[in-house]
Amino acid sequence: MNVSDIAKLAGVSNSAVSRYFNHGYISQEKREAIRKVVEETGYRPSVQAQTLRTKKTNMIGVIVPKIASASIGKIVEGILSVLNKSNYQMLLAVTENDPKKELEYLLSFNRKQVDGLILAATVFSEEHKRLLKHLTVPAVITGQKLHGQFCVYHDDYHAAYDITEYVLEKGKRNLAYMNAILSDEAAGAKRYRGYCDAVRDRGFEALAGQHITADFTVISGYEKTRELLSQYPGLDAILCATDSMAAGAMQFLAEHGITVPDQILVTGQDDSDIARVTSPPIITVHYSFETCGETAVRMLLEQINQKDAAPKEVKLGYSITDYQTKENPYDK
């Protein structure tokens, strides 16, 4: 079966069948006639042929660092909520936090395997910047800000600053920070800088030096809490770059008979489900990850439809939720 066969059986022109499969305008009568023939014959158009003819794949490439992440999962859900209402499908690539894999997927998607791509980046090496600058397909970056590129990101710096201030307002004075790798500009460098500036602005300069670097896992948070308590005796608060780290810290403290928040207060960031099920719940920062995904894919579709669209940088807000007191002290 081909387009001509379908047209003859439906009693319409070849162009009408072409418009039907490419979601163009045809009368309801012709659309119904074609639909019946397609249903009866089981005909499916050749994707390869359509791609050659239209120069479009109707695929959006999405590159993420890992799938076992609440924040990444929510971003992907946001992307799908928009794509599922469009003619596009998603092609997901997982890099396992390997920057080299990010570059490989960028190169692969750039060879016209997709109509556009969304990159949930972790770091930006010079090679990343060079490749992004010379992409031949539209692209949007999520979670990180890169000047001159379409991107959707969060206000990580002020969120970390505000949650640190909130902890100090609760009377805690011997704080330590569990940070992510600083090469991760958003979750690592900006959140740590927000913590440092907050304690310095309150006159606690020495607290900026009380920190340790952990992986984005519960196990790492558990192990690094042991090191923090050993390095900085008398801590009364541990502020973590992510909820996973915070959950690990909570587990370690519970096993060693240290009560939270009375003896040591623990905070996280990302407002993941794990923050609500620990005992007690974790004070955390809520970022609109679903909105991030939705905004990114709409921005991408705009680029695809308008080739000369000017780069946009969209910064999303945040709120701090204290599940222990049901307070929402900061909402920005």
Protein backbone atom coordinates (compact mmCIF):
# COMPACT_ATOMS: atom_id res chain seq x y z
CA MET A 1 0.00 0.00 0.00
CA ASN A 2 1.09 3.54 -0.73
CA VAL A 3 -0.44 7.01 -0.75
CA SER A 4 -1.86 6.54 -4.27
CA ASP A 5 -3.57 3.27 -3.26
CA ILE A 6 -5.12 4.92 -0.20
CA ALA A 7 -6.30 7.86 -2.32
CA LYS A 8 -8.00 5.59 -4.87
CA LEU A 9 -9.77 3.52 -2.23
CA ALA A 10 -10.96 6.65 -0.40
CA GLY A 11 -11.93 8.47 -3.59
CA VAL A 12 -9.73 11.48 -2.84
CA SER A 13 -6.57 13.03 -4.25
CA ASN A 14 -3.01 12.07 -3.27
CA SER A 15 -2.54 15.54 -1.78
CA ALA A 16 -5.56 15.03 0.50
CA VAL A 17 -4.02 11.83 1.87
CA SER A 18 -0.71 13.64 2.37
CA ARG A 19 -2.45 16.44 4.28
CA TYR A 20 -4.28 13.86 6.39
CA PHE A 21 -1.06 12.23 7.58
CA ASN A 22 0.70 15.57 8.07
CA HIS A 23 -2.22 17.04 10.05
CA GLY A 24 -3.06 19.56 7.36
CA TYR A 25 -6.51 20.89 6.54
CA ILE A 26 -9.01 18.70 4.67
CA SER A 27 -12.78 18.53 4.86
CA GLN A 28 -14.36 16.33 7.49
CA GLU A 29 -15.92 14.17 4.75
CA LYS A 30 -12.54 13.41 3.14
CA ARG A 31 -10.90 12.92 6.53
CA GLU A 32 -13.47 10.32 7.49
CA ALA A 33 -13.15 8.51 4.15
CA ILE A 34 -9.36 8.30 4.51
CA ARG A 35 -9.62 7.21 8.13
CA LYS A 36 -11.87 4.29 7.21
CA VAL A 37 -9.50 3.07 4.49
CA VAL A 38 -6.50 3.39 6.82
CA GLU A 39 -8.32 1.47 9.53
CA GLU A 40 -9.44 -1.28 7.14
CA THR A 41 -6.05 -1.74 5.47
CA GLY A 42 -3.84 -1.17 8.52
CA TYR A 43 -1.73 1.23 6.48
CA ARG A 44 1.06 3.13 8.25
CA PRO A 45 3.10 5.82 6.48
CA SER A 46 6.87 5.32 6.27
CA VAL A 47 8.59 7.43 8.91
CA GLN A 48 11.78 7.49 6.85
CA ALA A 49 9.92 8.68 3.77
CA GLN A 50 8.14 11.39 5.73
CA THR A 51 11.46 12.56 7.18
CA LEU A 52 13.07 12.76 3.74
CA ARG A 53 10.11 14.66 2.36
CA THR A 54 9.42 17.09 5.21
CA LYS A 55 12.97 17.29 6.66
CA LYS A 56 11.34 16.70 10.06
CA THR A 57 11.52 13.73 12.40
CA ASN A 58 8.79 14.84 14.81
CA MET A 59 11.16 13.76 17.59
CA ILE A 60 12.49 15.86 20.46
CA GLY A 61 15.74 14.70 22.06
CA VAL A 62 15.99 15.06 25.85
CA ILE A 63 19.37 14.55 27.53
CA VAL A 64 19.33 13.98 31.30
CA PRO A 65 22.09 13.06 33.79
CA LYS A 66 20.14 10.21 35.42
CA ILE A 67 16.63 8.85 35.78
CA ALA A 68 16.78 7.95 39.50
CA SER A 69 16.20 11.59 40.40
CA ALA A 70 12.98 13.18 41.63
CA SER A 71 13.82 16.57 40.10
CA ILE A 72 14.75 15.11 36.69
CA GLY A 73 11.62 12.95 36.76
CA LYS A 74 9.45 16.01 37.32
CA ILE A 75 11.18 17.93 34.52
CA VAL A 76 10.55 15.02 32.13
CA GLU A 77 6.92 14.86 33.24
CA GLY A 78 6.58 18.56 32.46
CA ILE A 79 8.08 18.01 29.01
CA LEU A 80 5.75 15.09 28.28
CA SER A 81 2.67 17.01 29.44
CA VAL A 82 3.25 19.38 26.52
CA LEU A 83 4.58 16.90 23.95
CA ASN A 84 1.66 14.51 24.47
CA LYS A 85 -0.65 17.26 23.21
CA SER A 86 1.49 17.86 20.13
CA ASN A 87 2.68 15.84 17.13
CA TYR A 88 6.09 15.29 18.71
CA GLN A 89 7.51 12.33 20.57
CA MET A 90 10.41 12.25 23.03
CA LEU A 91 13.73 10.45 22.59
CA LEU A 92 15.35 10.18 26.03
CA ALA A 93 19.12 9.90 26.53
CA VAL A 94 20.62 9.21 29.98
CA THR A 95 24.27 10.14 30.57
CA GLU A 96 24.80 8.69 34.09
CA ASN A 97 26.36 12.02 35.09
CA ASP A 98 29.11 11.62 32.50
CA PRO A 99 29.89 14.95 30.75
CA LYS A 100 31.52 13.05 27.87
CA LYS A 101 28.24 11.22 27.28
CA GLU A 102 26.46 14.57 27.17
CA LEU A 103 28.76 15.65 24.37
CA GLU A 104 28.23 12.36 22.51
CA TYR A 105 24.46 12.70 22.65
CA LEU A 106 24.62 16.35 21.63
CA LEU A 107 26.63 15.37 18.56
CA SER A 108 24.30 12.48 17.77
CA PHE A 109 21.12 14.54 18.08
CA ASN A 110 22.72 17.34 16.10
CA ARG A 111 23.00 15.01 13.08
CA LYS A 112 19.33 15.67 12.40
CA GLN A 113 18.02 12.68 14.34
CA VAL A 114 15.70 15.08 16.15
CA ASP A 115 13.98 18.39 15.36
CA GLY A 116 15.22 19.94 18.59
CA LEU A 117 16.74 19.02 21.94
CA ILE A 118 16.50 19.77 25.64
CA LEU A 119 19.61 19.41 27.77
CA ALA A 120 19.41 18.99 31.54
CA ALA A 121 23.08 19.81 31.95
CA THR A 122 25.32 19.20 34.95
CA VAL A 123 28.47 21.06 33.93
CA PHE A 124 29.52 23.31 31.08
CA SER A 125 33.04 22.64 29.85
CA GLU A 126 34.54 24.69 27.04
CA GLU A 127 33.69 21.82 24.71
CA HIS A 128 30.04 21.99 25.84
CA LYS A 129 29.92 25.71 25.15
CA ARG A 130 31.57 25.34 21.75
CA LEU A 131 29.24 22.56 20.67
CA LEU A 132 26.10 24.31 21.90
CA LYS A 133 27.10 27.45 20.05
CA HIS A 134 27.38 25.56 16.75
CA LEU A 135 24.33 23.28 16.98
CA THR A 136 22.28 23.09 13.78
CA VAL A 137 19.08 22.09 15.62
CA PRO A 138 17.25 24.27 18.18
CA ALA A 139 18.14 23.61 21.82
CA VAL A 140 17.01 24.61 25.30
CA ILE A 141 18.98 24.13 28.54
CA THR A 142 17.17 23.33 31.79
CA GLY A 143 18.42 23.75 35.33
CA GLN A 144 21.42 25.89 34.42
CA LYS A 145 21.93 29.40 33.08
CA LEU A 146 24.18 29.83 30.05
CA HIS A 147 24.30 33.30 28.56
CA GLY A 148 23.37 33.50 24.89
CA GLN A 149 21.43 30.22 24.99
CA PHE A 150 17.74 29.45 25.45
CA CYS A 151 17.53 28.28 29.07
CA VAL A 152 15.15 27.76 31.97
CA TYR A 153 16.71 27.70 35.43
CA HIS A 154 16.00 28.23 39.12
CA ASP A 155 17.13 30.85 41.59
CA ASP A 156 19.39 28.43 43.46
CA TYR A 157 21.51 31.15 45.05
CA HIS A 158 18.71 33.04 46.80
CA ALA A 159 16.92 29.82 47.76
CA ALA A 160 20.03 28.61 49.60
CA TYR A 161 20.54 32.08 51.11
CA ASP A 162 16.97 32.21 52.41
CA ILE A 163 16.89 28.72 53.90
CA THR A 164 20.17 29.46 55.69
CA GLU A 165 18.68 32.67 57.04
CA TYR A 166 15.61 30.75 58.17
CA VAL A 167 17.79 28.30 60.12
CA LEU A 168 19.68 31.17 61.78
CA GLU A 169 16.37 32.80 62.73
CA LYS A 170 15.49 29.60 64.57
CA GLY A 171 18.46 30.24 66.84
CA LYS A 172 20.93 27.76 65.37
CA ARG A 173 24.50 29.06 65.50
CA ASN A 174 26.87 26.19 64.65
CA LEU A 175 25.94 25.32 61.06
CA ALA A 176 27.63 23.13 58.46
CA TYR A 177 26.82 22.78 54.78
CA MET A 178 26.78 19.56 52.74
CA ASN A 179 27.34 20.72 49.16
CA ALA A 180 27.25 19.08 45.73
CA ILE A 181 30.23 19.18 43.39
CA LEU A 182 31.06 22.81 42.69
CA SER A 183 31.47 22.15 38.95
CA ASP A 184 27.68 21.82 38.96
CA GLU A 185 26.96 25.54 38.74
CA ALA A 186 23.37 25.39 40.00
CA ALA A 187 23.05 22.68 42.66
CA GLY A 188 26.74 22.96 43.56
CA ALA A 189 28.31 26.40 43.25
CA LYS A 190 25.26 28.68 43.52
CA ARG A 191 23.66 26.90 46.46
CA TYR A 192 26.94 26.80 48.36
CA ARG A 193 27.57 30.48 47.62
CA GLY A 194 24.10 31.32 48.91
CA TYR A 195 24.87 29.54 52.18
CA CYS A 196 28.25 31.27 52.54
CA ASP A 197 26.88 34.76 51.89
CA ALA A 198 23.99 34.25 54.32
CA VAL A 199 26.20 33.26 57.25
CA ARG A 200 28.70 36.02 56.46
CA ASP A 201 25.99 38.68 56.24
CA ARG A 202 24.79 37.60 59.69
CA GLY A 203 28.29 37.91 61.13
CA PHE A 204 29.19 34.20 61.24
CA GLU A 205 32.15 34.26 58.87
CA ALA A 206 33.71 31.05 60.24
CA LEU A 207 30.63 28.99 59.32
CA ALA A 208 31.36 29.49 55.61
CA GLY A 209 34.32 27.16 56.02
CA GLN A 210 32.27 24.41 57.64
CA HIS A 211 31.29 22.32 54.66
CA ILE A 212 31.79 18.98 52.95
CA THR A 213 31.11 17.71 49.42
CA ALA A 214 28.75 14.77 48.89
CA ASP A 215 27.26 12.87 45.97
CA PHE A 216 23.59 13.22 45.05
CA THR A 217 22.60 10.12 47.06
CA VAL A 218 21.14 9.11 50.42
CA ILE A 219 24.14 6.86 51.10
CA SER A 220 26.59 9.71 50.52
CA GLY A 221 24.56 11.99 52.82
CA TYR A 222 24.73 9.31 55.50
CA GLU A 223 28.49 8.83 55.21
CA LYS A 224 29.31 12.54 54.97
CA THR A 225 27.29 13.30 58.12
CA ARG A 226 29.68 11.09 60.05
CA GLU A 227 32.60 13.13 58.70
CA LEU A 228 30.91 16.47 59.44
CA LEU A 229 30.27 15.57 63.07
CA SER A 230 33.86 14.44 63.41
CA GLN A 231 35.32 17.58 61.81
CA TYR A 232 33.00 20.13 63.43
CA PRO A 233 31.98 19.10 66.98
CA GLY A 234 28.87 20.67 68.47
CA LEU A 235 26.93 21.20 65.25
CA ASP A 236 23.31 22.23 65.74
CA ALA A 237 22.30 22.33 62.06
CA ILE A 238 23.26 20.59 58.80
CA LEU A 239 22.10 22.26 55.59
CA CYS A 240 22.18 19.98 52.55
CA ALA A 241 22.24 20.79 48.85
CA THR A 242 19.58 18.15 48.12
CA ASP A 243 16.84 16.23 49.92
CA SER A 244 18.60 12.92 49.24
CA MET A 245 21.67 14.09 51.14
CA ALA A 246 19.41 15.38 53.93
CA ALA A 247 17.60 12.03 54.17
CA GLY A 248 20.94 10.29 54.58
CA ALA A 249 21.92 12.75 57.30
CA MET A 250 18.60 12.13 59.10
CA GLN A 251 19.17 8.38 59.02
CA PHE A 252 22.67 8.69 60.48
CA LEU A 253 21.49 11.01 63.26
CA ALA A 254 18.57 8.73 64.14
CA GLU A 255 20.84 5.68 64.37
CA HIS A 256 23.15 7.55 66.74
CA GLY A 257 20.42 8.84 69.05
CA ILE A 258 20.66 12.47 67.94
CA THR A 259 17.22 14.09 67.81
CA VAL A 260 16.06 16.28 64.92
CA PRO A 261 15.47 19.20 65.05
CA ASP A 262 16.10 19.71 68.79
CA GLN A 263 19.77 18.72 68.81
CA ILE A 264 20.57 19.09 65.12
CA LEU A 265 18.27 20.66 62.55
CA VAL A 266 18.50 19.26 58.99
CA THR A 267 17.42 20.98 55.77
CA GLY A 268 17.40 19.91 52.13
CA GLN A 269 16.47 21.30 48.73
CA ASP A 270 14.21 20.12 45.87
CA ASP A 271 11.01 19.31 47.84
CA SER A 272 11.07 15.66 46.77
CA ASP A 273 8.73 13.03 48.19
CA ILE A 274 11.48 11.82 50.50
CA ALA A 275 11.39 15.17 52.34
CA ARG A 276 7.82 14.48 53.46
CA VAL A 277 8.20 10.88 54.61
CA THR A 278 11.25 11.20 56.88
CA SER A 279 10.58 11.51 60.60
CA PRO A 280 10.39 14.38 61.20
CA PRO A 281 9.87 15.78 57.67
CA ILE A 282 12.74 17.75 56.15
CA ILE A 283 12.65 21.55 55.87
CA THR A 284 13.22 22.03 52.15
CA VAL A 285 13.15 24.32 49.12
CA HIS A 286 10.43 23.82 46.54
CA TYR A 287 11.46 24.38 42.93
CA SER A 288 8.89 24.18 40.12
CA PHE A 289 10.52 21.38 38.15
CA GLU A 290 7.37 20.48 36.21
CA THR A 291 7.01 24.12 35.16
CA CYS A 292 10.67 24.06 34.13
CA GLY A 293 10.01 21.16 31.76
CA GLU A 294 6.84 22.71 30.37
CA THR A 295 8.49 26.08 29.81
CA ALA A 296 11.54 24.49 28.18
CA VAL A 297 9.58 22.46 25.63
CA ARG A 298 7.30 25.39 24.73
CA MET A 299 10.39 27.49 24.22
CA LEU A 300 11.83 24.76 22.01
CA LEU A 301 8.70 24.43 19.89
CA GLU A 302 8.74 28.20 19.44
CA GLN A 303 12.28 27.95 18.08
CA ILE A 304 11.30 25.14 15.72
CA ASN A 305 8.38 27.17 14.35
CA GLN A 306 10.22 30.51 14.34
CA LYS A 307 13.77 30.03 13.11
CA ASP A 308 14.79 33.59 14.03
CA ALA A 309 13.52 33.51 17.64
CA ALA A 310 15.81 35.48 19.96
CA PRO A 311 17.44 33.60 22.89
CA LYS A 312 15.50 33.72 26.15
CA GLU A 313 16.63 33.17 29.72
CA VAL A 314 13.79 32.31 32.11
CA LYS A 315 14.46 32.25 35.87
CA LEU A 316 11.84 30.46 37.97
CA GLY A 317 11.00 31.23 41.58
CA TYR A 318 10.99 29.02 44.69
CA SER A 319 9.47 28.64 48.13
CA ILE A 320 10.70 27.22 51.42
CA THR A 321 8.45 24.69 53.12
CA ASP A 322 8.80 23.68 56.75
CA TYR A 323 6.80 20.46 56.92
CA GLN A 324 7.46 20.32 60.66
CA THR A 325 5.59 23.55 61.44
CA LYS A 326 3.53 23.79 58.20
CA GLU A 327 5.11 27.19 57.62
CA ASN A 328 5.91 28.66 54.23
CA PRO A 329 8.29 31.46 55.28
CA TYR A 330 9.68 32.36 51.83
CA ASP A 331 7.76 32.27 48.57
CA LYS A 332 9.52 34.04 45.69
